[in-house]
Each structure stands twice: as structure tokens, then as C-alpha cells.
Amino acid sequence: VQLQASGGGLVQPGGSLTLSCAAAEYIFSREAVGWYRQAPGKKRELVATVTIGGGAAYDNSVKGRFTISRDNAKTTVNLQMNALKPEDTAVYYCNTVRPRDEYWGQGTLVTVSS
């Protein structure tokens, strides 16, 4: 497994969810990783990134609500999502910040609905 996203589900508006991206060690130790999402009928977009050193950056649409982090022991990149909105509904993927086609997996579906 190179990069595998998990943790999606159904959550009510205002709720929280944590996604996890399991990364192969050779990717985790050498690459900045990002979380992407694709909503129905829309283009895939980058929502958060984390560097090897742990520096994080966010799209304005999620800033203040989402937190990206690296777990060095588990070689995972996590996305803590709070105050979720219906417009956060999408399939979420992880990939390197310079994405590679071979790293796209199936993603994990997040549905925000009452």
C-alpha cells in the first residue's frame, strides 16, 4: 500500500470526523502529503497539506475547522475535521503534494447530512 485513506462516514452538520492516511515509509519520510477531496460534479481540490517537518497549510474553505498532522510512529497523516458542513461532503483522498497518478486510491467518503 502506498497511500490509503480511511475513516469516512456519515456525520451530522456541526459534527467531527478524523480521517487517516496510511503511507508507505518511503513516501512518508520523503514527501509532503496532502488531503484532497472531490464533491459530486466538482473538480478534485487540495484542502490541506503537511510537510515532512510538520508544517501545515489549509485551503480557506477549511481553515480553522480542519487540522492535518503527521504520526511518525504509525507513518500516517491524519485529518481532524470539526464543525463539518454539508458542503464538506465529498470523497477524500490523500496523495503527495505533487500528486502522482499511481498514488490515487479509492478515497473515503464523507457525508455531512442530518
N, C-alpha and C. Protein backbone atom coordinates (compact mmCIF):
# COMPACT_ATOMS: atom_id res chain seq x y z
N VAL A 1 0.85 -1.19 0.00
CA VAL A 1 0.00 0.00 0.00
C VAL A 1 0.88 1.24 0.00
N GLN A 2 0.64 2.12 -0.93
CA GLN A 2 1.42 3.35 -1.00
C GLN A 2 0.78 4.43 -0.14
N LEU A 3 -0.47 4.75 -0.43
CA LEU A 3 -1.23 5.71 0.35
C LEU A 3 -2.67 5.23 0.40
N GLN A 4 -3.22 5.06 1.57
CA GLN A 4 -4.59 4.57 1.69
C GLN A 4 -5.36 5.40 2.69
N ALA A 5 -6.46 5.97 2.21
CA ALA A 5 -7.30 6.81 3.07
C ALA A 5 -8.40 5.98 3.71
N SER A 6 -8.74 6.33 4.94
CA SER A 6 -9.82 5.63 5.65
C SER A 6 -10.43 6.57 6.68
N GLY A 7 -11.57 6.15 7.23
CA GLY A 7 -12.17 6.89 8.33
C GLY A 7 -13.41 7.68 7.99
N GLY A 8 -13.84 7.63 6.75
CA GLY A 8 -15.02 8.38 6.35
C GLY A 8 -16.30 7.81 6.95
N GLY A 9 -17.39 8.54 6.76
CA GLY A 9 -18.67 8.07 7.26
C GLY A 9 -19.71 9.16 7.16
N LEU A 10 -20.84 8.88 7.79
CA LEU A 10 -21.95 9.83 7.83
C LEU A 10 -21.90 10.60 9.15
N VAL A 11 -21.98 11.91 9.07
CA VAL A 11 -21.92 12.74 10.27
C VAL A 11 -22.90 13.89 10.11
N GLN A 12 -23.47 14.34 11.21
CA GLN A 12 -24.40 15.45 11.17
C GLN A 12 -23.67 16.78 11.04
N PRO A 13 -24.32 17.78 10.49
CA PRO A 13 -23.71 19.11 10.44
C PRO A 13 -23.28 19.56 11.83
N GLY A 14 -22.08 20.13 11.90
CA GLY A 14 -21.51 20.54 13.19
C GLY A 14 -20.70 19.46 13.86
N GLY A 15 -20.75 18.26 13.33
CA GLY A 15 -20.04 17.14 13.93
C GLY A 15 -18.58 17.08 13.53
N SER A 16 -17.92 16.04 14.02
CA SER A 16 -16.49 15.86 13.78
C SER A 16 -16.19 14.47 13.24
N LEU A 17 -15.07 14.38 12.56
CA LEU A 17 -14.61 13.11 12.00
C LEU A 17 -13.11 13.20 11.81
N THR A 18 -12.43 12.09 11.98
CA THR A 18 -10.99 12.05 11.74
C THR A 18 -10.67 11.05 10.64
N LEU A 19 -10.00 11.51 9.61
CA LEU A 19 -9.55 10.65 8.53
C LEU A 19 -8.09 10.28 8.75
N SER A 20 -7.73 9.11 8.26
CA SER A 20 -6.35 8.65 8.39
C SER A 20 -5.82 8.21 7.03
N CYS A 21 -4.59 8.56 6.75
CA CYS A 21 -3.92 8.16 5.50
C CYS A 21 -2.70 7.33 5.89
N ALA A 22 -2.77 6.05 5.61
CA ALA A 22 -1.63 5.16 5.86
C ALA A 22 -0.66 5.29 4.71
N ALA A 23 0.58 5.65 5.01
CA ALA A 23 1.57 5.91 3.97
C ALA A 23 2.72 4.92 4.05
N ALA A 24 3.17 4.48 2.90
CA ALA A 24 4.39 3.68 2.85
C ALA A 24 5.55 4.51 3.39
N GLU A 25 6.48 3.86 4.08
CA GLU A 25 7.53 4.59 4.76
C GLU A 25 8.37 5.43 3.79
N TYR A 26 8.61 4.92 2.59
CA TYR A 26 9.46 5.65 1.65
C TYR A 26 8.78 6.92 1.15
N ILE A 27 7.45 6.96 1.22
CA ILE A 27 6.73 8.19 0.87
C ILE A 27 6.68 9.11 2.08
N PHE A 28 6.35 8.54 3.22
CA PHE A 28 6.18 9.32 4.44
C PHE A 28 7.44 10.08 4.80
N SER A 29 8.59 9.46 4.60
CA SER A 29 9.85 10.07 5.04
C SER A 29 10.43 11.05 4.03
N ARG A 30 9.86 11.12 2.82
CA ARG A 30 10.49 11.93 1.77
C ARG A 30 9.57 12.98 1.16
N GLU A 31 8.27 12.87 1.42
CA GLU A 31 7.33 13.71 0.69
C GLU A 31 6.38 14.46 1.61
N ALA A 32 6.04 15.68 1.20
CA ALA A 32 4.91 16.36 1.82
C ALA A 32 3.64 15.69 1.32
N VAL A 33 2.66 15.56 2.17
CA VAL A 33 1.43 14.85 1.85
C VAL A 33 0.24 15.79 1.98
N GLY A 34 -0.73 15.59 1.12
CA GLY A 34 -1.92 16.42 1.16
C GLY A 34 -3.20 15.60 1.21
N TRP A 35 -4.22 16.22 1.75
CA TRP A 35 -5.57 15.67 1.67
C TRP A 35 -6.33 16.44 0.59
N TYR A 36 -6.96 15.68 -0.28
CA TYR A 36 -7.74 16.23 -1.37
C TYR A 36 -9.19 15.78 -1.20
N ARG A 37 -10.10 16.47 -1.87
CA ARG A 37 -11.48 16.00 -1.87
C ARG A 37 -12.14 16.31 -3.20
N GLN A 38 -13.12 15.48 -3.52
CA GLN A 38 -13.89 15.69 -4.75
C GLN A 38 -15.37 15.51 -4.42
N ALA A 39 -16.09 16.61 -4.54
CA ALA A 39 -17.54 16.58 -4.31
C ALA A 39 -18.23 16.18 -5.62
N PRO A 40 -19.43 15.67 -5.52
CA PRO A 40 -20.16 15.26 -6.73
C PRO A 40 -20.26 16.40 -7.74
N GLY A 41 -19.86 16.14 -8.96
CA GLY A 41 -19.97 17.12 -10.02
C GLY A 41 -18.91 18.21 -10.00
N LYS A 42 -17.94 18.09 -9.11
CA LYS A 42 -16.90 19.12 -8.99
C LYS A 42 -15.52 18.54 -9.21
N LYS A 43 -14.56 19.42 -9.44
CA LYS A 43 -13.18 19.00 -9.61
C LYS A 43 -12.56 18.64 -8.26
N ARG A 44 -11.58 17.78 -8.31
CA ARG A 44 -10.84 17.44 -7.10
C ARG A 44 -10.06 18.67 -6.64
N GLU A 45 -10.05 18.92 -5.34
CA GLU A 45 -9.34 20.09 -4.80
C GLU A 45 -8.47 19.69 -3.61
N LEU A 46 -7.41 20.43 -3.44
CA LEU A 46 -6.49 20.21 -2.33
C LEU A 46 -6.98 21.02 -1.13
N VAL A 47 -7.16 20.36 0.03
CA VAL A 47 -7.69 21.08 1.17
C VAL A 47 -6.69 21.29 2.29
N ALA A 48 -5.69 20.43 2.40
CA ALA A 48 -4.72 20.58 3.47
C ALA A 48 -3.43 19.86 3.11
N THR A 49 -2.31 20.42 3.55
CA THR A 49 -1.01 19.79 3.30
C THR A 49 -0.17 19.81 4.57
N VAL A 50 0.74 18.86 4.66
CA VAL A 50 1.69 18.85 5.78
C VAL A 50 3.05 18.46 5.24
N THR A 51 4.07 19.22 5.65
CA THR A 51 5.42 18.95 5.19
C THR A 51 6.05 17.84 6.02
N ILE A 52 7.24 17.41 5.62
CA ILE A 52 7.96 16.39 6.38
C ILE A 52 8.21 16.88 7.80
N GLY A 53 8.45 18.16 7.94
CA GLY A 53 8.71 18.73 9.27
C GLY A 53 7.47 19.05 10.07
N GLY A 54 6.30 18.83 9.48
CA GLY A 54 5.05 19.04 10.22
C GLY A 54 4.37 20.37 9.96
N GLY A 55 4.91 21.18 9.07
CA GLY A 55 4.28 22.43 8.74
C GLY A 55 3.00 22.22 7.96
N ALA A 56 1.93 22.87 8.39
CA ALA A 56 0.61 22.65 7.80
C ALA A 56 0.12 23.88 7.05
N ALA A 57 -0.69 23.62 6.03
CA ALA A 57 -1.34 24.69 5.28
C ALA A 57 -2.73 24.22 4.88
N TYR A 58 -3.64 25.18 4.75
CA TYR A 58 -5.05 24.85 4.52
C TYR A 58 -5.67 25.72 3.45
N ASP A 59 -6.63 25.15 2.75
CA ASP A 59 -7.47 25.94 1.89
C ASP A 59 -8.37 26.81 2.77
N ASN A 60 -8.74 27.98 2.26
CA ASN A 60 -9.58 28.88 3.06
C ASN A 60 -10.90 28.25 3.47
N SER A 61 -11.39 27.34 2.67
CA SER A 61 -12.70 26.74 2.94
C SER A 61 -12.70 25.87 4.20
N VAL A 62 -11.52 25.43 4.65
CA VAL A 62 -11.45 24.54 5.82
C VAL A 62 -10.62 25.11 6.95
N LYS A 63 -9.98 26.25 6.70
CA LYS A 63 -9.10 26.85 7.70
C LYS A 63 -9.87 27.14 8.99
N GLY A 64 -9.29 26.73 10.10
CA GLY A 64 -9.94 26.93 11.39
C GLY A 64 -10.85 25.80 11.80
N ARG A 65 -11.16 24.91 10.87
CA ARG A 65 -12.04 23.77 11.19
C ARG A 65 -11.31 22.44 11.07
N PHE A 66 -10.37 22.34 10.12
CA PHE A 66 -9.64 21.10 9.88
C PHE A 66 -8.21 21.24 10.41
N THR A 67 -7.67 20.12 10.88
CA THR A 67 -6.28 20.08 11.34
C THR A 67 -5.61 18.86 10.75
N ILE A 68 -4.51 19.09 10.04
CA ILE A 68 -3.74 17.99 9.45
C ILE A 68 -2.51 17.75 10.33
N SER A 69 -2.14 16.48 10.48
CA SER A 69 -1.00 16.17 11.33
C SER A 69 -0.34 14.88 10.86
N ARG A 70 0.91 14.72 11.24
CA ARG A 70 1.65 13.51 10.92
C ARG A 70 1.88 12.71 12.20
N ASP A 71 1.73 11.38 12.09
CA ASP A 71 2.07 10.48 13.18
C ASP A 71 3.29 9.69 12.72
N ASN A 72 4.45 10.09 13.21
CA ASN A 72 5.68 9.47 12.73
C ASN A 72 5.80 8.00 13.11
N ALA A 73 5.25 7.63 14.24
CA ALA A 73 5.35 6.24 14.69
C ALA A 73 4.53 5.31 13.80
N LYS A 74 3.40 5.81 13.34
CA LYS A 74 2.50 4.95 12.54
C LYS A 74 2.61 5.24 11.05
N THR A 75 3.41 6.20 10.68
CA THR A 75 3.52 6.69 9.28
C THR A 75 2.14 6.96 8.69
N THR A 76 1.36 7.71 9.43
CA THR A 76 0.05 8.12 8.94
C THR A 76 -0.03 9.65 8.93
N VAL A 77 -0.90 10.14 8.07
CA VAL A 77 -1.23 11.56 8.01
C VAL A 77 -2.72 11.66 8.30
N ASN A 78 -3.05 12.36 9.35
CA ASN A 78 -4.43 12.42 9.82
C ASN A 78 -5.05 13.77 9.50
N LEU A 79 -6.36 13.76 9.33
CA LEU A 79 -7.12 14.98 9.09
C LEU A 79 -8.26 15.02 10.08
N GLN A 80 -8.13 15.87 11.09
CA GLN A 80 -9.20 16.07 12.06
C GLN A 80 -10.13 17.13 11.50
N MET A 81 -11.41 16.77 11.36
CA MET A 81 -12.39 17.67 10.76
C MET A 81 -13.46 18.01 11.79
N ASN A 82 -13.57 19.27 12.13
CA ASN A 82 -14.57 19.74 13.09
C ASN A 82 -15.55 20.69 12.42
N ALA A 83 -16.64 20.93 13.09
CA ALA A 83 -17.65 21.87 12.59
C ALA A 83 -17.99 21.58 11.13
N LEU A 84 -18.25 20.33 10.85
CA LEU A 84 -18.48 19.93 9.47
C LEU A 84 -19.76 20.53 8.91
N LYS A 85 -19.71 20.82 7.62
CA LYS A 85 -20.82 21.45 6.91
C LYS A 85 -21.27 20.53 5.78
N PRO A 86 -22.51 20.65 5.33
CA PRO A 86 -22.95 19.82 4.20
C PRO A 86 -22.04 19.97 2.98
N GLU A 87 -21.47 21.15 2.78
CA GLU A 87 -20.59 21.35 1.64
C GLU A 87 -19.24 20.66 1.77
N ASP A 88 -18.96 20.07 2.92
CA ASP A 88 -17.76 19.25 3.09
C ASP A 88 -17.97 17.82 2.56
N THR A 89 -19.19 17.51 2.18
CA THR A 89 -19.48 16.19 1.64
C THR A 89 -18.67 15.95 0.37
N ALA A 90 -17.91 14.86 0.37
CA ALA A 90 -17.03 14.57 -0.76
C ALA A 90 -16.33 13.23 -0.52
N VAL A 91 -15.69 12.75 -1.55
CA VAL A 91 -14.74 11.65 -1.38
C VAL A 91 -13.39 12.29 -1.08
N TYR A 92 -12.77 11.86 -0.01
CA TYR A 92 -11.49 12.42 0.43
C TYR A 92 -10.37 11.45 0.08
N TYR A 93 -9.30 12.00 -0.47
CA TYR A 93 -8.14 11.24 -0.89
C TYR A 93 -6.88 11.82 -0.26
N CYS A 94 -5.87 10.99 -0.12
CA CYS A 94 -4.56 11.53 0.22
C CYS A 94 -3.60 11.20 -0.92
N ASN A 95 -2.65 12.07 -1.10
CA ASN A 95 -1.63 11.92 -2.13
C ASN A 95 -0.48 12.84 -1.76
N THR A 96 0.62 12.71 -2.44
CA THR A 96 1.71 13.64 -2.22
C THR A 96 1.28 15.03 -2.71
N VAL A 97 1.98 16.04 -2.26
CA VAL A 97 1.60 17.40 -2.62
C VAL A 97 1.77 17.62 -4.12
N ARG A 98 2.78 16.99 -4.68
CA ARG A 98 2.86 16.90 -6.15
C ARG A 98 2.28 15.53 -6.49
N PRO A 99 0.99 15.47 -6.74
CA PRO A 99 0.32 14.16 -6.80
C PRO A 99 0.80 13.29 -7.95
N ARG A 100 0.84 12.01 -7.66
CA ARG A 100 1.19 11.02 -8.66
C ARG A 100 -0.03 10.17 -8.96
N ASP A 101 -0.24 9.88 -10.22
CA ASP A 101 -1.42 9.12 -10.63
C ASP A 101 -1.49 7.78 -9.92
N GLU A 102 -0.35 7.15 -9.75
CA GLU A 102 -0.36 5.81 -9.17
C GLU A 102 -0.67 5.81 -7.67
N TYR A 103 -0.68 6.97 -7.05
CA TYR A 103 -0.96 7.04 -5.62
C TYR A 103 -2.44 7.27 -5.29
N TRP A 104 -3.23 7.61 -6.32
CA TRP A 104 -4.65 7.83 -6.02
C TRP A 104 -5.29 6.50 -5.67
N GLY A 105 -5.89 6.42 -4.55
CA GLY A 105 -6.63 5.22 -4.18
C GLY A 105 -8.12 5.46 -4.38
N GLN A 106 -8.93 4.67 -3.69
CA GLN A 106 -10.38 4.79 -3.83
C GLN A 106 -10.93 5.95 -2.99
N GLY A 107 -10.13 6.43 -2.06
CA GLY A 107 -10.60 7.50 -1.20
C GLY A 107 -11.57 7.00 -0.15
N THR A 108 -12.04 7.92 0.65
CA THR A 108 -13.01 7.58 1.69
C THR A 108 -14.11 8.63 1.67
N LEU A 109 -15.35 8.16 1.69
CA LEU A 109 -16.50 9.05 1.53
C LEU A 109 -16.90 9.67 2.86
N VAL A 110 -17.03 10.99 2.84
CA VAL A 110 -17.54 11.74 3.99
C VAL A 110 -18.87 12.37 3.56
N THR A 111 -19.91 12.06 4.31
CA THR A 111 -21.23 12.61 4.04
C THR A 111 -21.68 13.40 5.26
N VAL A 112 -21.95 14.68 5.05
CA VAL A 112 -22.42 15.53 6.15
C VAL A 112 -23.89 15.85 5.88
N SER A 113 -24.74 15.27 6.69
CA SER A 113 -26.17 15.40 6.46
C SER A 113 -26.94 15.11 7.74
N SER A 114 -28.08 15.77 7.88
CA SER A 114 -28.94 15.50 9.03
C SER A 114 -29.99 14.46 8.65
